[in-house]
C-alpha atoms as a PDB file:
ATOM      1  CA  MET A   1     -11.812  -0.805 -31.199  1.00  0.00           C
ATOM      2  CA  LEU A   2     -10.331  -3.096 -28.595  1.00  0.00           C
ATOM      3  CA  LYS A   3      -9.978  -6.720 -29.566  1.00  0.00           C
ATOM      4  CA  ASN A   4     -11.468  -9.335 -27.280  1.00  0.00           C
ATOM      5  CA  SER A   5      -9.646 -12.603 -27.914  1.00  0.00           C
ATOM      6  CA  GLN A   6     -11.225 -15.700 -26.387  1.00  0.00           C
ATOM      7  CA  SER A   7      -7.957 -16.759 -24.737  1.00  0.00           C
ATOM      8  CA  ASN A   8      -7.638 -13.476 -22.853  1.00  0.00           C
ATOM      9  CA  LYS A   9     -11.318 -13.422 -22.009  1.00  0.00           C
ATOM     10  CA  ASN A  10     -11.075 -16.847 -20.403  1.00  0.00           C
ATOM     11  CA  ARG A  11      -8.276 -15.674 -18.160  1.00  0.00           C
ATOM     12  CA  PHE A  12     -10.548 -12.979 -16.766  1.00  0.00           C
ATOM     13  CA  GLU A  13     -13.804 -14.959 -16.592  1.00  0.00           C
ATOM     14  CA  LYS A  14     -15.809 -13.894 -13.565  1.00  0.00           C
ATOM     15  CA  LYS A  15     -16.070 -16.363 -10.729  1.00  0.00           C
ATOM     16  CA  GLY A  16     -18.063 -16.333  -7.512  1.00  0.00           C
ATOM     17  CA  GLY A  17     -17.486 -13.763  -4.812  1.00  0.00           C
ATOM     18  CA  SER A  18     -16.942 -10.031  -4.904  1.00  0.00           C
ATOM     19  CA  PHE A  19     -14.059  -7.650  -4.482  1.00  0.00           C
ATOM     20  CA  LYS A  20     -14.162  -4.482  -2.439  1.00  0.00           C
ATOM     21  CA  SER A  21     -12.350  -1.362  -3.568  1.00  0.00           C
ATOM     22  CA  ASN A  22      -8.904  -0.996  -2.031  1.00  0.00           C
ATOM     23  CA  LYS A  23      -9.723   2.389  -0.449  1.00  0.00           C
ATOM     24  CA  THR A  24      -8.137   1.509   2.888  1.00  0.00           C
ATOM     25  CA  ASP A  25      -4.879   0.234   1.442  1.00  0.00           C
ATOM     26  CA  SER A  26      -2.735   2.411   3.735  1.00  0.00           C
ATOM     27  CA  GLU A  27      -4.723   1.530   6.830  1.00  0.00           C
ATOM     28  CA  ILE A  28      -4.440  -2.195   6.102  1.00  0.00           C
ATOM     29  CA  LEU A  29      -0.691  -1.875   5.750  1.00  0.00           C
ATOM     30  CA  ALA A  30      -0.356   0.256   8.860  1.00  0.00           C
ATOM     31  CA  LYS A  31      -2.156  -2.406  10.900  1.00  0.00           C
ATOM     32  CA  GLY A  32       0.109  -5.130   9.532  1.00  0.00           C
ATOM     33  CA  LYS A  33      -2.710  -7.187   8.021  1.00  0.00           C
ATOM     34  CA  GLU A  34      -1.059  -8.121   4.734  1.00  0.00           C
ATOM     35  CA  LYS A  35      -0.624 -11.873   4.463  1.00  0.00           C
ATOM     36  CA  THR A  36       2.309 -13.875   3.162  1.00  0.00           C
ATOM     37  CA  LEU A  37       3.414 -13.669  -0.462  1.00  0.00           C
ATOM     38  CA  LYS A  38       1.969 -17.098  -1.254  1.00  0.00           C
ATOM     39  CA  GLU A  39      -1.413 -16.276   0.306  1.00  0.00           C
ATOM     40  CA  ASN A  40      -1.592 -12.943  -1.518  1.00  0.00           C
ATOM     41  CA  PHE A  41      -1.609 -14.553  -4.958  1.00  0.00           C
ATOM     42  CA  VAL A  42      -5.155 -15.854  -4.434  1.00  0.00           C
ATOM     43  CA  LYS A  43      -6.298 -12.224  -4.741  1.00  0.00           C
ATOM     44  CA  ILE A  44      -5.052 -11.863  -8.299  1.00  0.00           C
ATOM     45  CA  GLN A  45      -8.070 -13.387 -10.053  1.00  0.00           C
ATOM     46  CA  LYS A  46     -10.602 -11.234  -8.190  1.00  0.00           C
ATOM     47  CA  TYR A  47      -8.581  -8.117  -8.953  1.00  0.00           C
ATOM     48  CA  LYS A  48      -8.390  -9.044 -12.635  1.00  0.00           C
ATOM     49  CA  ASN A  49     -12.130  -9.681 -12.624  1.00  0.00           C
ATOM     50  CA  LEU A  50     -12.796  -6.238 -11.145  1.00  0.00           C
ATOM     51  CA  HIS A  51     -10.735  -4.451 -13.780  1.00  0.00           C
ATOM     52  CA  TYR A  52     -11.923  -6.705 -16.580  1.00  0.00           C
ATOM     53  CA  GLN A  53     -15.493  -5.670 -15.733  1.00  0.00           C
ATOM     54  CA  ASN A  54     -14.353  -2.041 -15.801  1.00  0.00           C
ATOM     55  CA  LEU A  55     -13.083  -2.580 -19.338  1.00  0.00           C
ATOM     56  CA  ALA A  56     -16.717  -2.762 -20.456  1.00  0.00           C
ATOM     57  CA  ASP A  57     -17.140   0.870 -19.382  1.00  0.00           C
ATOM     58  CA  PHE A  58     -13.720   1.713 -20.813  1.00  0.00           C
ATOM     59  CA  LYS A  59     -14.726   0.353 -24.215  1.00  0.00           C
ATOM     60  CA  LYS A  60     -17.938   2.403 -24.182  1.00  0.00           C
ATOM     61  CA  ASP A  61     -16.122   5.657 -23.501  1.00  0.00           C
ATOM     62  CA  LEU A  62     -12.613   5.104 -24.852  1.00  0.00           C
ATOM     63  CA  ARG A  63     -10.365   3.181 -27.193  1.00  0.00           C
ATOM     64  CA  LEU A  64      -6.645   2.722 -27.544  1.00  0.00           C
ATOM     65  CA  PRO A  65      -5.074   5.812 -29.152  1.00  0.00           C
ATOM     66  CA  GLU A  66      -3.841   5.545 -32.705  1.00  0.00           C
ATOM     67  CA  LYS A  67      -0.220   6.326 -33.431  1.00  0.00           C
ATOM     68  CA  ASN A  68       0.650   9.956 -32.616  1.00  0.00           C
ATOM     69  CA  GLU A  69      -2.777  10.508 -31.077  1.00  0.00           C
ATOM     70  CA  ILE A  70      -3.435  11.998 -27.634  1.00  0.00           C
ATOM     71  CA  ILE A  71      -6.638  11.338 -25.671  1.00  0.00           C
ATOM     72  CA  LYS A  72      -7.412  13.526 -22.640  1.00  0.00           C
ATOM     73  CA  ILE A  73      -9.618  11.933 -19.999  1.00  0.00           C
ATOM     74  CA  ARG A  74     -11.556  13.081 -16.930  1.00  0.00           C
ATOM     75  CA  VAL A  75     -13.012  10.237 -14.893  1.00  0.00           C
ATOM     76  CA  GLN A  76     -14.707   9.488 -11.599  1.00  0.00           C
ATOM     77  CA  LYS A  77     -14.922   5.721 -11.532  1.00  0.00           C
ATOM     78  CA  SER A  78     -13.430   2.885  -9.516  1.00  0.00           C
ATOM     79  CA  TYR A  79     -10.781   1.979 -12.090  1.00  0.00           C
ATOM     80  CA  ASN A  80      -7.307   3.432 -11.909  1.00  0.00           C
ATOM     81  CA  ALA A  81      -4.246   3.776 -14.148  1.00  0.00           C
ATOM     82  CA  PHE A  82      -3.891  -0.002 -14.206  1.00  0.00           C
ATOM     83  CA  THR A  83      -7.127  -0.292 -16.206  1.00  0.00           C
ATOM     84  CA  PHE A  84      -5.426   1.420 -19.165  1.00  0.00           C
ATOM     85  CA  ILE A  85      -2.565  -1.086 -18.982  1.00  0.00           C
ATOM     86  CA  LEU A  86      -5.029  -3.962 -18.786  1.00  0.00           C
ATOM     87  CA  ALA A  87      -6.831  -2.599 -21.866  1.00  0.00           C
ATOM     88  CA  ILE A  88      -3.550  -2.720 -23.784  1.00  0.00           C
ATOM     89  CA  PHE A  89      -2.834  -6.234 -22.510  1.00  0.00           C
ATOM     90  CA  GLU A  90      -6.339  -7.363 -23.438  1.00  0.00           C
ATOM     91  CA  ASN A  91      -5.852  -6.018 -26.957  1.00  0.00           C
ATOM     92  CA  PHE A  92      -2.464  -7.635 -27.662  1.00  0.00           C
ATOM     93  CA  GLY A  93      -2.332 -10.574 -25.232  1.00  0.00           C
ATOM     94  CA  LYS A  94       1.133  -9.496 -24.106  1.00  0.00           C
ATOM     95  CA  ILE A  95       3.287  -6.510 -23.165  1.00  0.00           C
ATOM     96  CA  ASP A  96       6.865  -6.288 -24.389  1.00  0.00           C
ATOM     97  CA  GLU A  97       8.002  -3.643 -21.954  1.00  0.00           C
ATOM     98  CA  LEU A  98       6.304  -1.898 -19.012  1.00  0.00           C
ATOM     99  CA  ASP A  99       7.628   0.946 -16.879  1.00  0.00           C
ATOM    100  CA  ILE A 100       5.713   2.478 -13.977  1.00  0.00           C
ATOM    101  CA  LEU A 101       6.669   5.655 -12.170  1.00  0.00           C
ATOM    102  CA  THR A 102       4.349   6.248  -9.207  1.00  0.00           C
ATOM    103  CA  PHE A 103       4.005   7.538  -5.671  1.00  0.00           C
ATOM    104  CA  ASN A 104       2.060   4.459  -4.590  1.00  0.00           C
ATOM    105  CA  ILE A 105       1.151   1.084  -6.090  1.00  0.00           C
ATOM    106  CA  ASN A 106      -1.237  -1.327  -4.430  1.00  0.00           C
ATOM    107  CA  GLU A 107      -0.629  -4.955  -3.626  1.00  0.00           C
ATOM    108  CA  ARG A 108      -3.022  -6.432  -6.179  1.00  0.00           C
ATOM    109  CA  THR A 109      -1.597  -4.450  -9.076  1.00  0.00           C
ATOM    110  CA  LEU A 110       1.881  -5.693  -8.195  1.00  0.00           C
ATOM    111  CA  LEU A 111       0.730  -9.305  -7.931  1.00  0.00           C
ATOM    112  CA  THR A 112      -1.074  -9.138 -11.266  1.00  0.00           C
ATOM    113  CA  ILE A 113       1.961  -7.695 -13.070  1.00  0.00           C
ATOM    114  CA  PHE A 114       4.227 -10.384 -11.641  1.00  0.00           C
ATOM    115  CA  ASP A 115       1.672 -13.018 -12.600  1.00  0.00           C
ATOM    116  CA  TRP A 116       2.122 -11.811 -16.199  1.00  0.00           C
ATOM    117  CA  ILE A 117       5.873 -12.157 -15.758  1.00  0.00           C
ATOM    118  CA  GLU A 118       5.522 -15.683 -14.381  1.00  0.00           C
ATOM    119  CA  ASN A 119       3.389 -16.722 -17.348  1.00  0.00           C
ATOM    120  CA  GLY A 120       5.650 -15.142 -19.969  1.00  0.00           C
ATOM    121  CA  TYR A 121       3.329 -12.302 -21.019  1.00  0.00           C
ATOM    122  CA  LEU A 122       5.699  -9.536 -19.867  1.00  0.00           C
ATOM    123  CA  LYS A 123       9.397  -9.587 -20.753  1.00  0.00           C
ATOM    124  CA  LYS A 124      10.717  -6.365 -19.238  1.00  0.00           C
ATOM    125  CA  PHE A 125       9.452  -4.411 -16.210  1.00  0.00           C
ATOM    126  CA  GLY A 126      10.720  -1.233 -14.565  1.00  0.00           C
ATOM    127  CA  LEU A 127       9.232   0.228 -11.378  1.00  0.00           C
ATOM    128  CA  CYS A 128      10.116   3.505  -9.688  1.00  0.00           C
ATOM    129  CA  VAL A 129       8.043   3.919  -6.526  1.00  0.00           C
ATOM    130  CA  SER A 130       8.337   6.676  -3.945  1.00  0.00           C
ATOM    131  CA  GLU A 131      11.001   6.019  -1.339  1.00  0.00           C
ATOM    132  CA  SER A 132       8.490   7.187   1.295  1.00  0.00           C
ATOM    133  CA  VAL A 133       6.879   3.742   0.950  1.00  0.00           C
ATOM    134  CA  LYS A 134       9.628   2.538   3.265  1.00  0.00           C
ATOM    135  CA  SER A 135       8.228   4.594   6.145  1.00  0.00           C
ATOM    136  CA  ARG A 136       4.560   4.837   5.105  1.00  0.00           C
ATOM    137  CA  MET A 137       4.041   1.218   4.065  1.00  0.00           C
ATOM    138  CA  PRO A 138       6.947  -0.968   5.215  1.00  0.00           C
ATOM    139  CA  LYS A 139       5.120  -4.186   4.312  1.00  0.00           C
ATOM    140  CA  ARG A 140       4.739  -2.913   0.740  1.00  0.00           C
ATOM    141  CA  GLU A 141       8.501  -2.453   0.580  1.00  0.00           C
ATOM    142  CA  ILE A 142       8.961  -6.050   1.747  1.00  0.00           C
ATOM    143  CA  LEU A 143       6.464  -7.326  -0.848  1.00  0.00           C
ATOM    144  CA  ILE A 144       8.222  -5.478  -3.683  1.00  0.00           C
ATOM    145  CA  LYS A 145      11.614  -6.834  -2.627  1.00  0.00           C
ATOM    146  CA  ASN A 146      10.253 -10.366  -2.268  1.00  0.00           C
ATOM    147  CA  LEU A 147       8.721 -10.219  -5.745  1.00  0.00           C
ATOM    148  CA  TYR A 148      11.977  -8.901  -7.170  1.00  0.00           C
ATOM    149  CA  GLN A 149      14.007 -11.728  -5.655  1.00  0.00           C
ATOM    150  CA  LYS A 150      11.482 -14.343  -6.778  1.00  0.00           C
ATOM    151  CA  TYR A 151      11.189 -13.188 -10.399  1.00  0.00           C
ATOM    152  CA  LYS A 152      14.428 -11.396 -11.285  1.00  0.00           C
ATOM    153  CA  THR A 153      15.516 -14.408 -13.349  1.00  0.00           C
ATOM    154  CA  ASN A 154      12.186 -14.598 -15.222  1.00  0.00           C
ATOM    155  CA  CYS A 155      12.521 -11.268 -17.020  1.00  0.00           C
ATOM    156  CA  GLU A 156      14.560  -8.078 -17.071  1.00  0.00           C
ATOM    157  CA  LEU A 157      13.608  -6.292 -13.846  1.00  0.00           C
ATOM    158  CA  ASN A 158      14.599  -2.783 -12.792  1.00  0.00           C
ATOM    159  CA  ILE A 159      13.122  -1.612  -9.500  1.00  0.00           C
ATOM    160  CA  ALA A 160      13.981   1.440  -7.415  1.00  0.00           C
ATOM    161  CA  PHE A 161      12.643   3.369  -4.430  1.00  0.00           C
ATOM    162  CA  THR A 162      13.072   6.972  -5.527  1.00  0.00           C
ATOM    163  CA  TRP A 163      12.328  10.562  -4.551  1.00  0.00           C
ATOM    164  CA  ASN A 164       9.268  10.823  -6.756  1.00  0.00           C
ATOM    165  CA  HIS A 165       5.633  11.965  -6.913  1.00  0.00           C
ATOM    166  CA  CYS A 166       5.018  11.408 -10.659  1.00  0.00           C
ATOM    167  CA  LYS A 167       2.367   9.036 -11.996  1.00  0.00           C
ATOM    168  CA  ILE A 168       3.413   7.780 -15.422  1.00  0.00           C
ATOM    169  CA  ALA A 169       3.246   4.399 -17.144  1.00  0.00           C
ATOM    170  CA  LEU A 170       5.054   3.508 -20.355  1.00  0.00           C
ATOM    171  CA  VAL A 171       3.882   0.481 -22.321  1.00  0.00           C
ATOM    172  CA  ARG A 172       5.678  -0.793 -25.422  1.00  0.00           C
ATOM    173  CA  VAL A 173       4.074  -3.575 -27.450  1.00  0.00           C
ATOM    174  CA  ASP A 174       5.105  -4.355 -31.033  1.00  0.00           C
ATOM    175  CA  ASP A 175       5.525  -0.951 -32.724  1.00  0.00           C
ATOM    176  CA  ASN A 176       3.166   0.889 -30.342  1.00  0.00           C
ATOM    177  CA  PHE A 177       4.484   3.213 -27.637  1.00  0.00           C
ATOM    178  CA  TYR A 178       1.774   4.047 -25.104  1.00  0.00           C
ATOM    179  CA  VAL A 179       2.143   6.733 -22.447  1.00  0.00           C
ATOM    180  CA  ILE A 180      -0.336   6.992 -19.566  1.00  0.00           C
ATOM    181  CA  GLU A 181       0.035   9.926 -17.212  1.00  0.00           C
ATOM    182  CA  GLY A 182      -2.251  11.747 -14.817  1.00  0.00           C
ATOM    183  CA  SER A 183      -3.232  12.384 -11.236  1.00  0.00           C
ATOM    184  CA  GLY A 184      -4.142   8.805 -10.313  1.00  0.00           C
ATOM    185  CA  ASN A 185      -1.863   6.414  -8.456  1.00  0.00           C
ATOM    186  CA  PHE A 186      -1.969   2.659  -8.999  1.00  0.00           C
ATOM    187  CA  SER A 187      -4.410   2.242  -6.120  1.00  0.00           C
ATOM    188  CA  ASP A 188      -8.201   2.090  -6.287  1.00  0.00           C
ATOM    189  CA  ASN A 189     -10.404   5.042  -5.440  1.00  0.00           C
ATOM    190  CA  GLU A 190     -13.448   6.862  -6.760  1.00  0.00           C
ATOM    191  CA  GLU A 191     -11.942  10.347  -6.796  1.00  0.00           C
ATOM    192  CA  VAL A 192     -12.068  12.603  -9.835  1.00  0.00           C
ATOM    193  CA  GLU A 193      -8.870  11.969 -11.791  1.00  0.00           C
ATOM    194  CA  GLN A 194      -7.413  13.244 -15.070  1.00  0.00           C
ATOM    195  CA  TYR A 195      -5.302  11.279 -17.536  1.00  0.00           C
ATOM    196  CA  ILE A 196      -3.483  11.735 -20.814  1.00  0.00           C
ATOM    197  CA  PHE A 197      -3.389   8.564 -22.900  1.00  0.00           C
ATOM    198  CA  GLU A 198      -1.226   8.666 -26.019  1.00  0.00           C
ATOM    199  CA  ASN A 199       0.586   6.481 -28.517  1.00  0.00           C
ATOM    200  CA  SER A 200       3.789   8.353 -29.299  1.00  0.00           C
ATOM    201  CA  GLU A 201       7.310   7.023 -29.676  1.00  0.00           C
ATOM    202  CA  LYS A 202       8.665  10.537 -29.157  1.00  0.00           C
ATOM    203  CA  SER A 203       6.831  11.052 -25.851  1.00  0.00           C
ATOM    204  CA  TYR A 204       7.666   7.492 -24.774  1.00  0.00           C
ATOM    205  CA  ASN A 205      11.385   7.980 -25.378  1.00  0.00           C
ATOM    206  CA  PHE A 206      11.374  11.386 -23.667  1.00  0.00           C
ATOM    207  CA  ASP A 207       9.855   9.983 -20.470  1.00  0.00           C
ATOM    208  CA  LYS A 208      11.955   6.824 -20.671  1.00  0.00           C
ATOM    209  CA  ASN A 209      15.241   8.715 -20.928  1.00  0.00           C
ATOM    210  CA  ASN A 210      14.495  11.721 -18.740  1.00  0.00           C
ATOM    211  CA  LEU A 211      12.500  10.078 -15.948  1.00  0.00           C
ATOM    212  CA  ILE A 212      12.631   6.285 -15.806  1.00  0.00           C
ATOM    213  CA  LEU A 213      16.282   5.710 -16.673  1.00  0.00           C
ATOM    214  CA  HIS A 214      17.319   8.798 -14.719  1.00  0.00           C
ATOM    215  CA  LEU A 215      15.620   7.567 -11.552  1.00  0.00           C
ATOM    216  CA  LEU A 216      16.964   4.043 -12.012  1.00  0.00           C
ATOM    217  CA  ASN A 217      20.542   5.337 -12.182  1.00  0.00           C
ATOM    218  CA  LYS A 218      22.065   4.029  -8.968  1.00  0.00           C
ATOM    219  CA  ALA A 219      24.964   6.490  -8.798  1.00  0.00           C
ATOM    220  CA  LYS A 220      22.729   9.528  -9.263  1.00  0.00           C
ATOM    221  CA  LEU A 221      20.146   8.119  -6.879  1.00  0.00           C
ATOM    222  CA  GLN A 222      22.688   7.849  -4.083  1.00  0.00           C
ATOM    223  CA  LYS A 223      23.549  11.517  -4.528  1.00  0.00           C
ATOM    224  CA  ARG A 224      19.908  12.627  -4.515  1.00  0.00           C
ATOM    225  CA  SER A 225      18.635  10.799  -1.455  1.00  0.00           C
ATOM    226  CA  LYS A 226      19.950   8.710   1.399  1.00  0.00           C
ATOM    227  CA  ARG A 227      16.725   6.683   1.458  1.00  0.00           C
ATOM    228  CA  GLY A 228      16.755   5.906  -2.274  1.00  0.00           C
ATOM    229  CA  GLU A 229      17.557   2.366  -3.351  1.00  0.00           C
ATOM    230  CA  VAL A 230      17.958   0.457  -6.599  1.00  0.00           C
ATOM    231  CA  LEU A 231      17.415  -3.298  -6.239  1.00  0.00           C
ATOM    232  CA  SER A 232      20.113  -5.592  -7.552  1.00  0.00           C
END
């Protein structure tokens, strides 16, 4: 069962107001309505509250996988792949290493992850996002680069815009190696999605070496795509 420490619970305590699902993320970006980096951080608490509430449903239906266990999931709810990561964070109160390989990642997920970095809860973060973000969502590219520049001295950061359509997250905490993969991006929707949630060092290392590190290799990236970019 998931642990529910008081310190973590306080960080996600619900406050007034409501949060609407980020269904029109692309439209908002296309219209240039994203605010400045400083103004965006006020959205973090509401986004945490939304997903923290979703953890109640998560705990009813699911649990964290035991070592070498695979859980297959079919879901049609408002939470996305980030909810699984938040469940791990809620259980341990930290994440040692997080890697995300995705076609799209929404603003609030990014801000929440970097809030963890700022507060010392996340020590190492790798992000491989589709290079098409540069043309589809130019303001998202700017946000990612701004966050990288602001926090690259706070933890080990590896960020790349890559030729990619995978949706995989790797989470290492203590001696647990979680792998989350499926159809869902890191953006909110209520579509039917499928996920595989496992705790396997073998699967973790396979994806780490054959996908994450491969896509973060600057020399190989330059050969694969002119639009690809590794931040440094």
